[in-house]
C-alpha atoms as a PDB file:
ATOM      1  CA  MET A   1      88.233  94.014  77.019  1.00  0.00           C
ATOM      2  CA  LEU A   2      86.403  95.998  74.231  1.00  0.00           C
ATOM      3  CA  MET A   3      86.516  92.898  71.871  1.00  0.00           C
ATOM      4  CA  ALA A   4      85.314  90.712  74.801  1.00  0.00           C
ATOM      5  CA  GLN A   5      82.406  92.974  75.921  1.00  0.00           C
ATOM      6  CA  THR A   6      81.281  93.346  72.302  1.00  0.00           C
ATOM      7  CA  ALA A   7      81.224  89.670  71.886  1.00  0.00           C
ATOM      8  CA  PHE A   8      79.114  89.215  75.091  1.00  0.00           C
ATOM      9  CA  MET A   9      76.759  91.841  73.649  1.00  0.00           C
ATOM     10  CA  PHE A  10      76.271  89.811  70.484  1.00  0.00           C
ATOM     11  CA  GLN A  11      76.001  86.648  72.473  1.00  0.00           C
ATOM     12  CA  SER A  12      73.147  88.260  74.530  1.00  0.00           C
ATOM     13  CA  LEU A  13      71.608  89.493  71.357  1.00  0.00           C
ATOM     14  CA  ILE A  14      71.458  85.941  69.796  1.00  0.00           C
ATOM     15  CA  LEU A  15      69.885  84.643  72.964  1.00  0.00           C
ATOM     16  CA  ALA A  16      67.322  87.393  72.910  1.00  0.00           C
ATOM     17  CA  VAL A  17      66.438  86.768  69.268  1.00  0.00           C
ATOM     18  CA  LEU A  18      66.120  83.009  69.760  1.00  0.00           C
ATOM     19  CA  VAL A  19      63.695  83.508  72.703  1.00  0.00           C
ATOM     20  CA  LEU A  20      61.716  86.177  71.027  1.00  0.00           C
ATOM     21  CA  LEU A  21      61.212  84.061  67.914  1.00  0.00           C
ATOM     22  CA  ASN A  22      60.354  81.099  70.261  1.00  0.00           C
ATOM     23  CA  ILE A  23      62.885  78.737  68.645  1.00  0.00           C
ATOM     24  CA  ILE A  24      65.170  78.420  71.661  1.00  0.00           C
ATOM     25  CA  ALA A  25      66.502  74.882  72.273  1.00  0.00           C
ATOM     26  CA  VAL A  26      68.635  73.270  74.918  1.00  0.00           C
ATOM     27  CA  TRP A  27      71.550  72.958  72.449  1.00  0.00           C
ATOM     28  CA  HIS A  28      71.393  76.625  71.843  1.00  0.00           C
ATOM     29  CA  ILE A  29      71.781  77.333  75.588  1.00  0.00           C
ATOM     30  CA  ILE A  30      74.772  74.763  75.834  1.00  0.00           C
ATOM     31  CA  ALA A  31      76.531  76.402  72.782  1.00  0.00           C
ATOM     32  CA  LEU A  32      76.034  79.997  74.091  1.00  0.00           C
ATOM     33  CA  SER A  33      77.260  78.775  77.446  1.00  0.00           C
ATOM     34  CA  LEU A  34      80.496  77.426  75.815  1.00  0.00           C
ATOM     35  CA  LEU A  35      80.880  80.700  73.858  1.00  0.00           C
ATOM     36  CA  PHE A  36      80.399  82.637  77.158  1.00  0.00           C
ATOM     37  CA  GLY A  37      83.265  80.609  78.754  1.00  0.00           C
ATOM     38  CA  PHE A  38      85.482  81.104  75.771  1.00  0.00           C
ATOM     39  CA  ILE A  39      84.974  84.803  75.847  1.00  0.00           C
ATOM     40  CA  SER A  40      85.469  84.906  79.632  1.00  0.00           C
ATOM     41  CA  ALA A  41      88.803  83.268  79.198  1.00  0.00           C
ATOM     42  CA  PHE A  42      89.968  86.570  77.497  1.00  0.00           C
ATOM     43  CA  ASP A  43      88.027  88.961  79.415  1.00  0.00           C
ATOM     44  CA  THR A  44      88.693  87.977  83.051  1.00  0.00           C
ATOM     45  CA  PRO A  45      92.510  87.920  82.925  1.00  0.00           C
ATOM     46  CA  ALA A  46      92.429  91.287  81.058  1.00  0.00           C
ATOM     47  CA  ARG A  47      89.948  92.833  83.417  1.00  0.00           C
ATOM     48  CA  GLN A  48      91.897  91.657  86.495  1.00  0.00           C
ATOM     49  CA  SER A  49      95.115  92.896  84.998  1.00  0.00           C
ATOM     50  CA  LEU A  50      93.614  96.278  84.118  1.00  0.00           C
ATOM     51  CA  VAL A  51      92.773  97.130  87.838  1.00  0.00           C
ATOM     52  CA  ILE A  52      96.242  98.236  88.769  1.00  0.00           C
ATOM     53  CA  ASP A  53      96.518 100.466  85.649  1.00  0.00           C
ATOM     54  CA  LEU A  54      93.458 102.424  86.786  1.00  0.00           C
ATOM     55  CA  ILE A  55      94.845 103.602  90.031  1.00  0.00           C
ATOM     56  CA  ASP A  56      97.644 106.057  90.727  1.00  0.00           C
ATOM     57  CA  ASP A  57      99.084 104.517  93.881  1.00  0.00           C
ATOM     58  CA  PRO A  58      99.663 100.816  94.279  1.00  0.00           C
ATOM     59  CA  LYS A  59      98.822 100.934  97.832  1.00  0.00           C
ATOM     60  CA  TYR A  60      95.209 101.359  96.816  1.00  0.00           C
ATOM     61  CA  LEU A  61      95.196  98.121  94.866  1.00  0.00           C
ATOM     62  CA  GLY A  62      93.382  96.261  97.615  1.00  0.00           C
ATOM     63  CA  ASN A  63      90.686  98.827  97.819  1.00  0.00           C
ATOM     64  CA  ALA A  64      90.148  98.777  94.140  1.00  0.00           C
ATOM     65  CA  ILE A  65      89.853  95.064  94.024  1.00  0.00           C
ATOM     66  CA  ALA A  66      87.447  95.064  96.933  1.00  0.00           C
ATOM     67  CA  LEU A  67      85.266  97.824  95.224  1.00  0.00           C
ATOM     68  CA  ASN A  68      85.232  95.645  92.158  1.00  0.00           C
ATOM     69  CA  SER A  69      83.870  92.880  94.370  1.00  0.00           C
ATOM     70  CA  ALA A  70      81.320  95.119  96.028  1.00  0.00           C
ATOM     71  CA  ILE A  71      79.938  96.108  92.635  1.00  0.00           C
ATOM     72  CA  PHE A  72      79.906  92.532  91.475  1.00  0.00           C
ATOM     73  CA  ASN A  73      78.153  91.358  94.606  1.00  0.00           C
ATOM     74  CA  GLY A  74      75.787  94.284  94.717  1.00  0.00           C
ATOM     75  CA  ALA A  75      74.715  93.363  91.029  1.00  0.00           C
ATOM     76  CA  ARG A  76      74.397  89.714  92.339  1.00  0.00           C
ATOM     77  CA  LEU A  77      72.127  90.904  95.206  1.00  0.00           C
ATOM     78  CA  PHE A  78      69.822  93.227  93.064  1.00  0.00           C
ATOM     79  CA  GLY A  79      70.162  91.810  89.447  1.00  0.00           C
ATOM     80  CA  PRO A  80      68.005  88.787  89.897  1.00  0.00           C
ATOM     81  CA  ALA A  81      65.243  90.765  91.531  1.00  0.00           C
ATOM     82  CA  ILE A  82      65.360  93.365  88.696  1.00  0.00           C
ATOM     83  CA  ALA A  83      65.424  90.519  86.185  1.00  0.00           C
ATOM     84  CA  GLY A  84      62.399  88.798  87.931  1.00  0.00           C
ATOM     85  CA  ILE A  85      60.417  91.996  87.794  1.00  0.00           C
ATOM     86  CA  THR A  86      61.278  92.581  84.092  1.00  0.00           C
ATOM     87  CA  ILE A  87      60.336  88.958  83.226  1.00  0.00           C
ATOM     88  CA  ALA A  88      57.067  89.357  84.905  1.00  0.00           C
ATOM     89  CA  LEU A  89      56.241  92.599  83.072  1.00  0.00           C
ATOM     90  CA  VAL A  90      57.746  91.994  79.671  1.00  0.00           C
ATOM     91  CA  GLY A  91      58.847  88.363  79.376  1.00  0.00           C
ATOM     92  CA  GLU A  92      62.144  86.635  79.029  1.00  0.00           C
ATOM     93  CA  GLY A  93      62.896  87.764  75.555  1.00  0.00           C
ATOM     94  CA  ILE A  94      62.739  91.445  76.238  1.00  0.00           C
ATOM     95  CA  CYS A  95      64.720  90.879  79.386  1.00  0.00           C
ATOM     96  CA  PHE A  96      67.612  89.334  77.430  1.00  0.00           C
ATOM     97  CA  LEU A  97      67.367  92.214  74.824  1.00  0.00           C
ATOM     98  CA  LEU A  98      67.726  94.837  77.640  1.00  0.00           C
ATOM     99  CA  ASN A  99      70.781  92.915  78.876  1.00  0.00           C
ATOM    100  CA  CYS A 100      72.208  93.121  75.338  1.00  0.00           C
ATOM    101  CA  ILE A 101      71.493  96.952  75.279  1.00  0.00           C
ATOM    102  CA  SER A 102      73.220  97.280  78.673  1.00  0.00           C
ATOM    103  CA  TYR A 103      76.508  96.341  77.174  1.00  0.00           C
ATOM    104  CA  ILE A 104      76.514  99.529  75.139  1.00  0.00           C
ATOM    105  CA  SER A 105      77.207 101.567  78.298  1.00  0.00           C
ATOM    106  CA  VAL A 106      80.021  99.140  79.397  1.00  0.00           C
ATOM    107  CA  ILE A 107      81.676  99.377  75.973  1.00  0.00           C
ATOM    108  CA  TYR A 108      81.366 103.199  75.846  1.00  0.00           C
ATOM    109  CA  ALA A 109      82.880 103.479  79.479  1.00  0.00           C
ATOM    110  CA  LEU A 110      85.797 101.159  78.337  1.00  0.00           C
ATOM    111  CA  TRP A 111      86.269 103.451  75.274  1.00  0.00           C
ATOM    112  CA  ARG A 112      86.586 106.376  77.511  1.00  0.00           C
ATOM    113  CA  VAL A 113      89.289 104.792  79.759  1.00  0.00           C
ATOM    114  CA  ASN A 114      92.581 106.622  79.288  1.00  0.00           C
ATOM    115  CA  ILE A 115      95.543 104.657  80.382  1.00  0.00           C
ATOM    116  CA  LYS A 116      99.079 106.217  80.394  1.00  0.00           C
ATOM    117  CA  ALA A 117     101.183 104.399  77.830  1.00  0.00           C
ATOM    118  CA  ARG A 118     104.207 102.521  79.201  1.00  0.00           C
ATOM    119  CA  GLN A 119     106.691 100.090  77.744  1.00  0.00           C
ATOM    120  CA  ILE A 120     107.011  96.608  78.975  1.00  0.00           C
ATOM    121  CA  LYS A 121     109.937  94.467  77.769  1.00  0.00           C
ATOM    122  CA  MET A 122     108.577  91.165  76.534  1.00  0.00           C
ATOM    123  CA  LYS A 123     111.013  88.346  76.997  1.00  0.00           C
ATOM    124  CA  SER A 124     109.678  86.423  74.071  1.00  0.00           C
ATOM    125  CA  GLY A 125     107.174  86.868  71.188  1.00  0.00           C
ATOM    126  CA  ASN A 126     106.899  83.070  70.870  1.00  0.00           C
ATOM    127  CA  ILE A 127     103.505  81.986  72.308  1.00  0.00           C
ATOM    128  CA  ARG A 128     104.627  78.528  73.320  1.00  0.00           C
ATOM    129  CA  GLN A 129     107.762  80.023  75.042  1.00  0.00           C
ATOM    130  CA  GLY A 130     105.555  82.696  76.718  1.00  0.00           C
ATOM    131  CA  PHE A 131     103.272  80.071  78.055  1.00  0.00           C
ATOM    132  CA  SER A 132     106.234  78.140  79.449  1.00  0.00           C
ATOM    133  CA  GLU A 133     107.544  81.253  81.108  1.00  0.00           C
ATOM    134  CA  GLY A 134     104.164  81.824  82.613  1.00  0.00           C
ATOM    135  CA  ILE A 135     103.957  78.464  84.176  1.00  0.00           C
ATOM    136  CA  ARG A 136     107.573  78.622  85.506  1.00  0.00           C
ATOM    137  CA  TYR A 137     106.948  82.008  87.028  1.00  0.00           C
ATOM    138  CA  THR A 138     103.649  81.165  88.537  1.00  0.00           C
ATOM    139  CA  PHE A 139     104.548  77.789  90.131  1.00  0.00           C
ATOM    140  CA  GLN A 140     108.166  78.395  90.969  1.00  0.00           C
ATOM    141  CA  SER A 141     107.215  81.431  93.031  1.00  0.00           C
ATOM    142  CA  VAL A 142     106.311  80.015  96.488  1.00  0.00           C
ATOM    143  CA  PRO A 143     103.757  82.840  97.409  1.00  0.00           C
ATOM    144  CA  ILE A 144     102.008  82.758  94.026  1.00  0.00           C
ATOM    145  CA  ARG A 145     102.014  78.940  93.905  1.00  0.00           C
ATOM    146  CA  THR A 146     100.528  78.847  97.520  1.00  0.00           C
ATOM    147  CA  LEU A 147      97.860  81.398  96.730  1.00  0.00           C
ATOM    148  CA  ILE A 148      96.734  79.578  93.532  1.00  0.00           C
ATOM    149  CA  ILE A 149      96.529  76.271  95.259  1.00  0.00           C
ATOM    150  CA  ALA A 150      94.471  77.826  98.147  1.00  0.00           C
ATOM    151  CA  LEU A 151      92.088  79.256  95.547  1.00  0.00           C
ATOM    152  CA  PHE A 152      91.826  75.892  93.646  1.00  0.00           C
ATOM    153  CA  ILE A 153      90.804  74.179  96.875  1.00  0.00           C
ATOM    154  CA  LEU A 154      88.233  76.829  97.597  1.00  0.00           C
ATOM    155  CA  SER A 155      86.910  76.714  94.029  1.00  0.00           C
ATOM    156  CA  LEU A 156      86.805  72.912  93.894  1.00  0.00           C
ATOM    157  CA  VAL A 157      85.199  72.023  97.140  1.00  0.00           C
ATOM    158  CA  GLY A 158      84.042  75.304  98.744  1.00  0.00           C
ATOM    159  CA  LEU A 159      82.331  77.422  96.240  1.00  0.00           C
ATOM    160  CA  PRO A 160      80.278  74.678  94.379  1.00  0.00           C
ATOM    161  CA  PHE A 161      77.865  74.775  97.363  1.00  0.00           C
ATOM    162  CA  THR A 162      75.950  77.273  95.290  1.00  0.00           C
ATOM    163  CA  VAL A 163      74.909  74.768  92.683  1.00  0.00           C
ATOM    164  CA  LEU A 164      73.179  72.759  95.640  1.00  0.00           C
ATOM    165  CA  LEU A 165      71.182  75.786  96.777  1.00  0.00           C
ATOM    166  CA  PRO A 166      68.154  75.181  94.636  1.00  0.00           C
ATOM    167  CA  ALA A 167      67.891  71.571  95.661  1.00  0.00           C
ATOM    168  CA  PHE A 168      68.605  72.540  99.260  1.00  0.00           C
ATOM    169  CA  ALA A 169      65.682  75.106  99.219  1.00  0.00           C
ATOM    170  CA  LYS A 170      63.269  72.506  97.761  1.00  0.00           C
ATOM    171  CA  GLU A 171      64.259  69.304  99.479  1.00  0.00           C
ATOM    172  CA  ILE A 172      65.629  70.407 102.760  1.00  0.00           C
ATOM    173  CA  LEU A 173      63.578  73.468 103.411  1.00  0.00           C
ATOM    174  CA  ASN A 174      60.558  72.323 101.489  1.00  0.00           C
ATOM    175  CA  GLY A 175      60.538  75.904  99.926  1.00  0.00           C
ATOM    176  CA  SER A 176      60.037  77.333  96.493  1.00  0.00           C
ATOM    177  CA  SER A 177      61.730  79.803  94.298  1.00  0.00           C
ATOM    178  CA  ASP A 178      61.086  82.540  96.927  1.00  0.00           C
ATOM    179  CA  THR A 179      63.100  80.372  99.422  1.00  0.00           C
ATOM    180  CA  LEU A 180      66.008  80.193  97.008  1.00  0.00           C
ATOM    181  CA  GLY A 181      65.769  83.928  96.505  1.00  0.00           C
ATOM    182  CA  PHE A 182      66.039  84.543 100.398  1.00  0.00           C
ATOM    183  CA  LEU A 183      69.053  82.230 100.506  1.00  0.00           C
ATOM    184  CA  MET A 184      70.828  83.914  97.571  1.00  0.00           C
ATOM    185  CA  SER A 185      70.059  87.351  98.892  1.00  0.00           C
ATOM    186  CA  ALA A 186      71.530  86.554 102.358  1.00  0.00           C
ATOM    187  CA  MET A 187      74.681  85.149 100.681  1.00  0.00           C
ATOM    188  CA  GLY A 188      74.872  88.358  98.554  1.00  0.00           C
ATOM    189  CA  ALA A 189      74.359  90.662 101.496  1.00  0.00           C
ATOM    190  CA  GLY A 190      77.162  88.912 103.378  1.00  0.00           C
ATOM    191  CA  ALA A 191      79.399  89.167 100.253  1.00  0.00           C
ATOM    192  CA  LEU A 192      78.631  92.792  99.854  1.00  0.00           C
ATOM    193  CA  MET A 193      79.492  93.579 103.396  1.00  0.00           C
ATOM    194  CA  ALA A 194      82.828  91.823 103.077  1.00  0.00           C
ATOM    195  CA  ALA A 195      83.564  93.660  99.801  1.00  0.00           C
ATOM    196  CA  ILE A 196      82.851  97.003 101.599  1.00  0.00           C
ATOM    197  CA  TYR A 197      85.099  96.179 104.482  1.00  0.00           C
ATOM    198  CA  MET A 198      87.968  95.034 102.126  1.00  0.00           C
ATOM    199  CA  ALA A 199      87.504  98.270 100.179  1.00  0.00           C
ATOM    200  CA  GLY A 200      88.084 100.299 103.308  1.00  0.00           C
ATOM    201  CA  ARG A 201      91.349  98.574 104.217  1.00  0.00           C
ATOM    202  CA  SER A 202      94.331 101.026 103.966  1.00  0.00           C
ATOM    203  CA  SER A 203      97.125  98.418 104.124  1.00  0.00           C
ATOM    204  CA  ALA A 204      98.152  95.112 102.532  1.00  0.00           C
ATOM    205  CA  LEU A 205      99.236  93.922 105.969  1.00  0.00           C
ATOM    206  CA  GLY A 206      97.186  90.937 107.368  1.00  0.00           C
ATOM    207  CA  LEU A 207      95.907  89.549 104.077  1.00  0.00           C
ATOM    208  CA  GLY A 208      97.432  86.072 104.745  1.00  0.00           C
ATOM    209  CA  LYS A 209      95.695  85.963 107.971  1.00  0.00           C
ATOM    210  CA  ILE A 210      92.544  86.988 106.490  1.00  0.00           C
ATOM    211  CA  ILE A 211      92.818  84.171 103.927  1.00  0.00           C
ATOM    212  CA  SER A 212      93.415  81.386 106.488  1.00  0.00           C
ATOM    213  CA  ARG A 213      90.746  82.467 108.936  1.00  0.00           C
ATOM    214  CA  PHE A 214      88.062  83.082 106.470  1.00  0.00           C
ATOM    215  CA  LEU A 215      88.731  79.817 104.656  1.00  0.00           C
ATOM    216  CA  VAL A 216      88.209  78.045 107.942  1.00  0.00           C
ATOM    217  CA  LEU A 217      85.073  80.222 108.590  1.00  0.00           C
ATOM    218  CA  MET A 218      83.560  79.360 105.231  1.00  0.00           C
ATOM    219  CA  GLY A 219      84.218  75.658 105.884  1.00  0.00           C
ATOM    220  CA  ILE A 220      82.511  75.967 109.331  1.00  0.00           C
ATOM    221  CA  THR A 221      79.604  77.706 107.804  1.00  0.00           C
ATOM    222  CA  LEU A 222      79.061  74.995 105.155  1.00  0.00           C
ATOM    223  CA  ILE A 223      79.090  72.303 107.812  1.00  0.00           C
ATOM    224  CA  ALA A 224      76.637  74.336 109.965  1.00  0.00           C
ATOM    225  CA  VAL A 225      74.103  74.907 107.072  1.00  0.00           C
ATOM    226  CA  SER A 226      74.044  71.208 106.422  1.00  0.00           C
ATOM    227  CA  PHE A 227      72.322  70.840 109.835  1.00  0.00           C
ATOM    228  CA  ALA A 228      69.913  73.760 109.257  1.00  0.00           C
ATOM    229  CA  ASN A 229      66.339  72.826 108.766  1.00  0.00           C
ATOM    230  CA  THR A 230      64.659  76.190 108.908  1.00  0.00           C
ATOM    231  CA  LEU A 231      64.794  79.162 106.509  1.00  0.00           C
ATOM    232  CA  GLN A 232      65.651  81.691 109.225  1.00  0.00           C
ATOM    233  CA  LEU A 233      68.682  79.682 110.415  1.00  0.00           C
ATOM    234  CA  SER A 234      69.841  78.994 106.836  1.00  0.00           C
ATOM    235  CA  VAL A 235      69.669  82.564 105.928  1.00  0.00           C
ATOM    236  CA  CYS A 236      71.776  83.592 109.013  1.00  0.00           C
ATOM    237  CA  ILE A 237      74.435  80.961 108.189  1.00  0.00           C
ATOM    238  CA  LEU A 238      74.535  81.832 104.516  1.00  0.00           C
ATOM    239  CA  PHE A 239      75.185  85.400 105.392  1.00  0.00           C
ATOM    240  CA  PHE A 240      78.380  84.458 106.889  1.00  0.00           C
ATOM    241  CA  THR A 241      79.164  82.025 103.959  1.00  0.00           C
ATOM    242  CA  GLY A 242      79.039  84.876 101.583  1.00  0.00           C
ATOM    243  CA  LEU A 243      81.230  87.087 103.847  1.00  0.00           C
ATOM    244  CA  ALA A 244      83.856  84.449 104.153  1.00  0.00           C
ATOM    245  CA  MET A 245      83.733  83.682 100.446  1.00  0.00           C
ATOM    246  CA  ILE A 246      84.476  87.267  99.339  1.00  0.00           C
ATOM    247  CA  MET A 247      87.023  87.935 102.178  1.00  0.00           C
ATOM    248  CA  SER A 248      88.927  84.919 101.021  1.00  0.00           C
ATOM    249  CA  VAL A 249      88.809  85.541  97.235  1.00  0.00           C
ATOM    250  CA  ALA A 250      89.353  89.351  97.402  1.00  0.00           C
ATOM    251  CA  ALA A 251      92.414  88.763  99.696  1.00  0.00           C
ATOM    252  CA  ILE A 252      93.985  86.140  97.393  1.00  0.00           C
ATOM    253  CA  ASN A 253      93.398  88.438  94.474  1.00  0.00           C
ATOM    254  CA  THR A 254      94.940  91.415  96.246  1.00  0.00           C
ATOM    255  CA  MET A 255      97.961  89.418  97.299  1.00  0.00           C
ATOM    256  CA  LEU A 256      98.541  88.000  93.790  1.00  0.00           C
ATOM    257  CA  GLN A 257      98.111  91.488  92.169  1.00  0.00           C
ATOM    258  CA  THR A 258     100.585  92.983  94.585  1.00  0.00           C
ATOM    259  CA  LEU A 259     103.277  90.205  94.352  1.00  0.00           C
ATOM    260  CA  VAL A 260     103.304  89.683  90.552  1.00  0.00           C
ATOM    261  CA  ASN A 261     105.702  91.444  88.220  1.00  0.00           C
ATOM    262  CA  GLU A 262     104.155  93.734  85.545  1.00  0.00           C
ATOM    263  CA  ASP A 263     105.266  91.714  82.675  1.00  0.00           C
ATOM    264  CA  MET A 264     103.811  88.521  84.111  1.00  0.00           C
ATOM    265  CA  ARG A 265     100.518  90.102  85.408  1.00  0.00           C
ATOM    266  CA  GLY A 266      98.331  88.858  82.631  1.00  0.00           C
ATOM    267  CA  ARG A 267      99.656  85.326  82.669  1.00  0.00           C
ATOM    268  CA  VAL A 268      99.432  84.902  86.370  1.00  0.00           C
ATOM    269  CA  MET A 269      95.853  86.313  86.504  1.00  0.00           C
ATOM    270  CA  SER A 270      95.015  83.868  83.795  1.00  0.00           C
ATOM    271  CA  TYR A 271      95.965  80.947  86.252  1.00  0.00           C
ATOM    272  CA  TYR A 272      93.920  82.938  88.870  1.00  0.00           C
ATOM    273  CA  SER A 273      90.894  82.893  86.533  1.00  0.00           C
ATOM    274  CA  MET A 274      91.499  79.233  85.644  1.00  0.00           C
ATOM    275  CA  ALA A 275      91.636  78.339  89.460  1.00  0.00           C
ATOM    276  CA  LEU A 276      88.602  80.304  90.219  1.00  0.00           C
ATOM    277  CA  MET A 277      86.311  79.931  87.317  1.00  0.00           C
ATOM    278  CA  GLY A 278      87.685  77.068  85.452  1.00  0.00           C
ATOM    279  CA  THR A 279      87.689  74.765  88.557  1.00  0.00           C
ATOM    280  CA  MET A 280      84.237  75.610  89.695  1.00  0.00           C
ATOM    281  CA  PRO A 281      82.337  73.581  86.897  1.00  0.00           C
ATOM    282  CA  ILE A 282      84.503  70.503  87.812  1.00  0.00           C
ATOM    283  CA  GLY A 283      83.533  71.018  91.546  1.00  0.00           C
ATOM    284  CA  ASN A 284      79.865  71.591  90.493  1.00  0.00           C
ATOM    285  CA  LEU A 285      79.874  68.212  88.775  1.00  0.00           C
ATOM    286  CA  LEU A 286      81.494  66.568  91.693  1.00  0.00           C
ATOM    287  CA  ALA A 287      79.179  68.194  94.188  1.00  0.00           C
ATOM    288  CA  GLY A 288      76.132  67.193  92.117  1.00  0.00           C
ATOM    289  CA  SER A 289      77.332  63.656  91.755  1.00  0.00           C
ATOM    290  CA  VAL A 290      78.138  63.300  95.535  1.00  0.00           C
ATOM    291  CA  ALA A 291      74.847  64.912  96.530  1.00  0.00           C
ATOM    292  CA  SER A 292      72.830  62.504  94.258  1.00  0.00           C
ATOM    293  CA  ALA A 293      74.684  59.481  95.789  1.00  0.00           C
ATOM    294  CA  PHE A 294      74.886  60.524  99.496  1.00  0.00           C
ATOM    295  CA  GLY A 295      72.607  63.484  99.889  1.00  0.00           C
ATOM    296  CA  ILE A 296      72.987  67.262 100.138  1.00  0.00           C
ATOM    297  CA  PRO A 297      73.941  67.459 103.879  1.00  0.00           C
ATOM    298  CA  PHE A 298      76.882  64.953 103.382  1.00  0.00           C
ATOM    299  CA  THR A 299      78.142  66.979 100.485  1.00  0.00           C
ATOM    300  CA  LEU A 300      78.123  70.223 102.345  1.00  0.00           C
ATOM    301  CA  ILE A 301      79.861  68.574 105.391  1.00  0.00           C
ATOM    302  CA  LEU A 302      82.587  67.082 103.070  1.00  0.00           C
ATOM    303  CA  GLY A 303      83.122  70.253 101.140  1.00  0.00           C
ATOM    304  CA  GLY A 304      83.316  72.325 104.332  1.00  0.00           C
ATOM    305  CA  SER A 305      85.657  69.879 106.072  1.00  0.00           C
ATOM    306  CA  ILE A 306      88.199  70.026 103.109  1.00  0.00           C
ATOM    307  CA  THR A 307      87.831  73.843 103.044  1.00  0.00           C
ATOM    308  CA  ILE A 308      88.637  73.994 106.720  1.00  0.00           C
ATOM    309  CA  ILE A 309      91.748  71.802 106.183  1.00  0.00           C
ATOM    310  CA  GLY A 310      92.758  74.109 103.336  1.00  0.00           C
ATOM    311  CA  GLY A 311      92.502  77.052 105.636  1.00  0.00           C
ATOM    312  CA  ILE A 312      94.598  75.366 108.378  1.00  0.00           C
ATOM    313  CA  TRP A 313      97.191  74.450 105.667  1.00  0.00           C
ATOM    314  CA  PHE A 314      97.463  77.985 104.419  1.00  0.00           C
ATOM    315  CA  GLY A 315      97.717  79.368 107.994  1.00  0.00           C
ATOM    316  CA  ILE A 316     100.716  76.961 108.532  1.00  0.00           C
ATOM    317  CA  LYS A 317     102.323  78.039 105.197  1.00  0.00           C
ATOM    318  CA  ARG A 318     102.077  81.705 106.310  1.00  0.00           C
ATOM    319  CA  LYS A 319     105.260  81.654 108.379  1.00  0.00           C
ATOM    320  CA  THR A 320     107.121  80.391 105.274  1.00  0.00           C
ATOM    321  CA  LEU A 321     105.478  82.833 102.981  1.00  0.00           C
ATOM    322  CA  ARG A 322     106.701  85.905 105.005  1.00  0.00           C
ATOM    323  CA  ARG A 323     110.307  85.260 103.999  1.00  0.00           C
ATOM    324  CA  TYR A 324     109.304  85.526 100.314  1.00  0.00           C
ATOM    325  CA  ILE A 325     106.776  88.277 100.579  1.00  0.00           C
ATOM    326  CA  GLN A 326     108.812  90.801 102.618  1.00  0.00           C
ATOM    327  CA  PRO A 327     111.520  91.440 100.008  1.00  0.00           C
ATOM    328  CA  ILE A 328     109.027  91.687  97.211  1.00  0.00           C
ATOM    329  CA  TYR A 329     106.949  94.259  99.015  1.00  0.00           C
ATOM    330  CA  ALA A 330     110.007  96.185 100.033  1.00  0.00           C
ATOM    331  CA  GLY A 331     111.331  96.221  96.549  1.00  0.00           C
ATOM    332  CA  LYS A 332     108.132  97.399  94.967  1.00  0.00           C
ATOM    333  CA  GLY A 333     108.182 100.310  97.530  1.00  0.00           C
ATOM    334  CA  ILE A 334     104.408  99.606  98.394  1.00  0.00           C
ATOM    335  CA  LEU A 335     105.250  99.967 102.172  1.00  0.00           C
ATOM    336  CA  PRO A 336     107.874 102.355 103.618  1.00  0.00           C
ATOM    337  CA  SER A 337     108.826  99.481 106.072  1.00  0.00           C
ATOM    338  CA  VAL A 338     107.858  95.929 106.106  1.00  0.00           C
ATOM    339  CA  PRO A 339     107.090  94.574 109.627  1.00  0.00           C
ATOM    340  CA  ALA A 340     107.634  90.962 110.677  1.00  0.00           C
ATOM    341  CA  ASN A 341     103.848  90.243 110.685  1.00  0.00           C
ATOM    342  CA  LEU A 342     103.498  91.158 107.023  1.00  0.00           C
ATOM    343  CA  SER A 343     101.247  88.192 105.962  1.00  0.00           C
END
C-alpha cells in the first residue's frame, strides 16, 4: 500500500505539472488513467485485505468495512464540491498539485500503522501455482463464487448507470453541471446513510438477505429513474439508488472477508476487485453503446431489470448458501452459536 500510494502521488504530480505547463493532451490523460488502473490492481486488494488486520475482534469486520464505505462516500459527496471551489479560485493545475500533496498524509498514516506480525504458511512460492490455487479456492467455494457472481452482475449492468448521469442531466432533465451535481450529491447522500447503517450493525447475520433485497431495490430505482422527468423526482430516486448500491456492495464485501481463509484473503479480494472495478469499464462501454442506439431510458430499464433478476437469483441461492456458511462461521468462532437464519 505504501508503494501504491507513493505511485499515486507521483501520478498526480505528473498530471499537475502537465496542466501547469499547459502541455496536457488527451493521450496524457489516457496514459495516466491506464497507470491509475495498474496501480489500483495492487492497491485495492491490499487495502481490502488489510482491514481485518486493523481490528482486534473479527466480529467488528462488518463495521470496519462499512466505515470505510462511509469515508469513501463522504469524500465522494464533498470532494467534488471542494475541487470545484479550488478550481474556481486557483485553477486546475493547483487543484491537481494539492491532490498530490494530500498523499503525504496518507503515506504518513500508513507508515504509522503497526500490525502484529503473524506467520502464514504459504502453500507454494510459485506464482503460476499460487494463481491456480486462488482460482480453485475462489470458484470451488459455493458461497464465495456466488458472491463474486452477484457482484459481477451488479458491476456489469447496475453500477454503469453513473456513466449515463451527465447525459441524463443534460438530455432528459435539460439541465447543466449544477443539475449533475444535485444528482451526484443525492446518490452520495444515500450511499453515506447506507454506510453509516452498515457501520452500526453488530452482527454478521442477515447479510445475505440485505444483498438480495437491495439488489432488487437498486434495479427498481434504475427503472424508476428512467421515467423521471423532473430534477426533484430524480434526486429522490437516486438517493435510494446510492443507498441500495452501498448496502449491496458493503454486504458482499463483509461476507467475503468473513468467509475467506487468511492465506487466501489477498487472492480472493483480487477477484472481488476484478468483479467490482474491472467489470465496470466494460459495463460503462456497453451502457454507452446501448444508450447511443436505443436511448438512456431504455438502457436504465434494461440494466435495472437484469439487476432485479440478479437479486432474485441470489435470494433463491440463499437457502443453499446457509449449509456452507454455517460451519465456516462456527469454525472461525465469529459467532457463539449459528442460528438457522444465518444468511
